[in-house]
C-alpha atoms as a PDB file:
ATOM      1  CA  UNK A   1      21.834  45.001-154.107  1.00  0.00           C
ATOM      2  CA  UNK A   2      18.576  44.272-152.434  1.00  0.00           C
ATOM      3  CA  UNK A   3      17.515  41.491-150.689  1.00  0.00           C
ATOM      4  CA  UNK A   4      15.122  38.896-152.049  1.00  0.00           C
ATOM      5  CA  UNK A   5      11.685  39.097-151.222  1.00  0.00           C
ATOM      6  CA  UNK A   6      10.741  36.535-149.043  1.00  0.00           C
ATOM      7  CA  UNK A   7       7.135  36.986-148.265  1.00  0.00           C
ATOM      8  CA  UNK A   8       5.137  35.529-150.968  1.00  0.00           C
ATOM      9  CA  UNK A   9       1.929  36.129-149.785  1.00  0.00           C
ATOM     10  CA  UNK A  10       1.026  32.385-149.580  1.00  0.00           C
ATOM     11  CA  UNK A  11      -0.368  30.738-146.235  1.00  0.00           C
ATOM     12  CA  UNK A  12       2.212  29.219-143.851  1.00  0.00           C
ATOM     13  CA  UNK A  13       1.645  26.211-141.419  1.00  0.00           C
ATOM     14  CA  UNK A  14       3.951  24.452-138.744  1.00  0.00           C
ATOM     15  CA  UNK A  15       4.469  21.103-139.458  1.00  0.00           C
ATOM     16  CA  UNK A  16       6.641  18.869-137.099  1.00  0.00           C
ATOM     17  CA  UNK A  17       9.499  17.012-138.373  1.00  0.00           C
ATOM     18  CA  UNK A  18      11.608  15.292-135.774  1.00  0.00           C
ATOM     19  CA  UNK A  19      11.800  17.277-132.779  1.00  0.00           C
ATOM     20  CA  UNK A  20      10.993  20.416-134.365  1.00  0.00           C
ATOM     21  CA  UNK A  21       8.444  22.642-135.878  1.00  0.00           C
ATOM     22  CA  UNK A  22       9.219  23.801-139.488  1.00  0.00           C
ATOM     23  CA  UNK A  23       7.489  26.788-141.034  1.00  0.00           C
ATOM     24  CA  UNK A  24       6.297  25.704-144.490  1.00  0.00           C
ATOM     25  CA  UNK A  25       4.598  27.693-146.934  1.00  0.00           C
ATOM     26  CA  UNK A  26       1.952  26.621-149.137  1.00  0.00           C
ATOM     27  CA  UNK A  27       2.854  24.807-152.673  1.00  0.00           C
ATOM     28  CA  UNK A  28       2.049  26.562-155.623  1.00  0.00           C
ATOM     29  CA  UNK A  29      -0.357  25.028-158.290  1.00  0.00           C
ATOM     30  CA  UNK A  30       2.811  24.518-160.683  1.00  0.00           C
ATOM     31  CA  UNK A  31       5.062  23.055-157.998  1.00  0.00           C
ATOM     32  CA  UNK A  32       1.989  20.600-157.365  1.00  0.00           C
ATOM     33  CA  UNK A  33       1.804  19.613-161.048  1.00  0.00           C
ATOM     34  CA  UNK A  34       5.812  18.947-161.020  1.00  0.00           C
ATOM     35  CA  UNK A  35       4.982  16.916-157.727  1.00  0.00           C
ATOM     36  CA  UNK A  36       2.385  14.889-159.046  1.00  0.00           C
ATOM     37  CA  UNK A  37       4.772  14.191-162.807  1.00  0.00           C
ATOM     38  CA  UNK A  38       7.604  13.028-160.692  1.00  0.00           C
ATOM     39  CA  UNK A  39       5.804  10.913-158.488  1.00  0.00           C
ATOM     40  CA  UNK A  40       3.867   9.014-161.378  1.00  0.00           C
ATOM     41  CA  UNK A  41       7.254   8.441-162.580  1.00  0.00           C
ATOM     42  CA  UNK A  42       8.303   6.677-159.644  1.00  0.00           C
ATOM     43  CA  UNK A  43       5.431   4.406-159.748  1.00  0.00           C
ATOM     44  CA  UNK A  44       5.612   3.597-163.590  1.00  0.00           C
ATOM     45  CA  UNK A  45       7.267   0.186-164.680  1.00  0.00           C
ATOM     46  CA  UNK A  46       9.670   0.410-167.534  1.00  0.00           C
ATOM     47  CA  UNK A  47      11.242   3.644-166.464  1.00  0.00           C
ATOM     48  CA  UNK A  48      15.075   3.328-165.650  1.00  0.00           C
ATOM     49  CA  UNK A  49      16.586   3.841-162.470  1.00  0.00           C
ATOM     50  CA  UNK A  50      18.306   7.159-163.459  1.00  0.00           C
ATOM     51  CA  UNK A  51      15.018   8.461-164.244  1.00  0.00           C
ATOM     52  CA  UNK A  52      13.480   7.642-161.117  1.00  0.00           C
ATOM     53  CA  UNK A  53      16.537   8.945-159.186  1.00  0.00           C
ATOM     54  CA  UNK A  54      16.151  12.288-160.757  1.00  0.00           C
ATOM     55  CA  UNK A  55      12.622  12.373-160.217  1.00  0.00           C
ATOM     56  CA  UNK A  56      13.198  11.669-156.555  1.00  0.00           C
ATOM     57  CA  UNK A  57      15.851  14.389-156.211  1.00  0.00           C
ATOM     58  CA  UNK A  58      13.160  16.941-157.974  1.00  0.00           C
ATOM     59  CA  UNK A  59      10.731  16.139-155.520  1.00  0.00           C
ATOM     60  CA  UNK A  60      12.749  16.858-152.777  1.00  0.00           C
ATOM     61  CA  UNK A  61      13.954  19.989-154.227  1.00  0.00           C
ATOM     62  CA  UNK A  62      10.243  21.002-154.964  1.00  0.00           C
ATOM     63  CA  UNK A  63       9.529  20.162-151.323  1.00  0.00           C
ATOM     64  CA  UNK A  64      12.554  22.196-149.953  1.00  0.00           C
ATOM     65  CA  UNK A  65      11.682  25.304-151.659  1.00  0.00           C
ATOM     66  CA  UNK A  66       8.359  25.615-149.063  1.00  0.00           C
ATOM     67  CA  UNK A  67      10.426  25.692-146.197  1.00  0.00           C
ATOM     68  CA  UNK A  68      10.584  29.355-144.907  1.00  0.00           C
ATOM     69  CA  UNK A  69      13.543  29.972-142.571  1.00  0.00           C
ATOM     70  CA  UNK A  70      17.171  29.203-143.172  1.00  0.00           C
ATOM     71  CA  UNK A  71      17.599  27.086-140.382  1.00  0.00           C
ATOM     72  CA  UNK A  72      14.701  24.957-140.635  1.00  0.00           C
ATOM     73  CA  UNK A  73      16.197  24.442-144.210  1.00  0.00           C
ATOM     74  CA  UNK A  74      19.850  23.141-142.621  1.00  0.00           C
ATOM     75  CA  UNK A  75      17.799  21.192-140.020  1.00  0.00           C
ATOM     76  CA  UNK A  76      15.844  19.188-142.619  1.00  0.00           C
ATOM     77  CA  UNK A  77      19.198  18.436-144.731  1.00  0.00           C
ATOM     78  CA  UNK A  78      20.748  16.667-141.576  1.00  0.00           C
ATOM     79  CA  UNK A  79      17.850  15.064-140.511  1.00  0.00           C
ATOM     80  CA  UNK A  80      17.768  13.603-144.242  1.00  0.00           C
ATOM     81  CA  UNK A  81      21.268  12.965-144.516  1.00  0.00           C
ATOM     82  CA  UNK A  82      21.285  11.122-141.167  1.00  0.00           C
ATOM     83  CA  UNK A  83      18.471   9.179-142.032  1.00  0.00           C
ATOM     84  CA  UNK A  84      16.142  10.594-139.662  1.00  0.00           C
ATOM     85  CA  UNK A  85      13.714  11.777-142.275  1.00  0.00           C
ATOM     86  CA  UNK A  86      12.407  10.157-145.410  1.00  0.00           C
ATOM     87  CA  UNK A  87      10.470  10.987-148.324  1.00  0.00           C
ATOM     88  CA  UNK A  88       7.329  10.188-146.700  1.00  0.00           C
ATOM     89  CA  UNK A  89       7.786  12.133-143.927  1.00  0.00           C
ATOM     90  CA  UNK A  90       7.628  15.187-145.913  1.00  0.00           C
ATOM     91  CA  UNK A  91       4.114  14.417-147.132  1.00  0.00           C
ATOM     92  CA  UNK A  92       2.405  16.665-144.660  1.00  0.00           C
ATOM     93  CA  UNK A  93       4.061  19.606-146.602  1.00  0.00           C
ATOM     94  CA  UNK A  94       1.698  18.853-149.334  1.00  0.00           C
ATOM     95  CA  UNK A  95      -1.209  17.598-147.127  1.00  0.00           C
ATOM     96  CA  UNK A  96      -1.250  20.392-144.760  1.00  0.00           C
ATOM     97  CA  UNK A  97      -2.798  22.922-146.925  1.00  0.00           C
ATOM     98  CA  UNK A  98      -5.434  20.810-148.350  1.00  0.00           C
ATOM     99  CA  UNK A  99      -7.568  19.755-145.538  1.00  0.00           C
ATOM    100  CA  UNK A 100     -10.813  21.647-145.118  1.00  0.00           C
ATOM    101  CA  UNK A 101     -11.370  23.368-142.102  1.00  0.00           C
ATOM    102  CA  UNK A 102     -13.694  21.578-139.323  1.00  0.00           C
ATOM    103  CA  UNK A 103     -17.138  22.428-139.690  1.00  0.00           C
ATOM    104  CA  UNK A 104     -18.744  23.134-136.429  1.00  0.00           C
ATOM    105  CA  UNK A 105     -21.508  20.407-135.506  1.00  0.00           C
ATOM    106  CA  UNK A 106     -25.005  21.302-135.981  1.00  0.00           C
ATOM    107  CA  UNK A 107     -26.600  21.163-132.525  1.00  0.00           C
ATOM    108  CA  UNK A 108     -30.213  20.549-132.387  1.00  0.00           C
ATOM    109  CA  UNK A 109     -32.698  21.241-129.768  1.00  0.00           C
ATOM    110  CA  UNK A 110     -35.211  19.529-127.590  1.00  0.00           C
ATOM    111  CA  UNK A 111     -38.333  18.657-129.695  1.00  0.00           C
ATOM    112  CA  UNK A 112     -41.140  20.840-128.674  1.00  0.00           C
ATOM    113  CA  UNK A 113     -42.934  19.232-125.635  1.00  0.00           C
ATOM    114  CA  UNK A 114     -46.312  17.478-126.433  1.00  0.00           C
ATOM    115  CA  UNK A 115     -49.155  18.973-124.093  1.00  0.00           C
ATOM    116  CA  UNK A 116     -51.586  16.198-123.259  1.00  0.00           C
END
């Protein structure tokens, strides 16, 4: 049997979680849509507790799929289960790839010297 392909060609970043840097790949557009849908469910009034808990579980599942290395996934599970990492701590998984690169600052030269 062949090994599963782990290189998806998606960009990766190092994200600090606790005392460790995790290698995380960029979420796909489809994953982003599902995260948005489940976050809206969590914020909605009139949604029963079971549905909200299901949405939390699905959000965690989606965010865990972008962690590249097995050791990092195990570490993340341990940190979450011990209460050291919360859902809000995983937001850099989403936002790290949306920031635009900083543009170089324009430098202006001195104005021309007026001859008198």
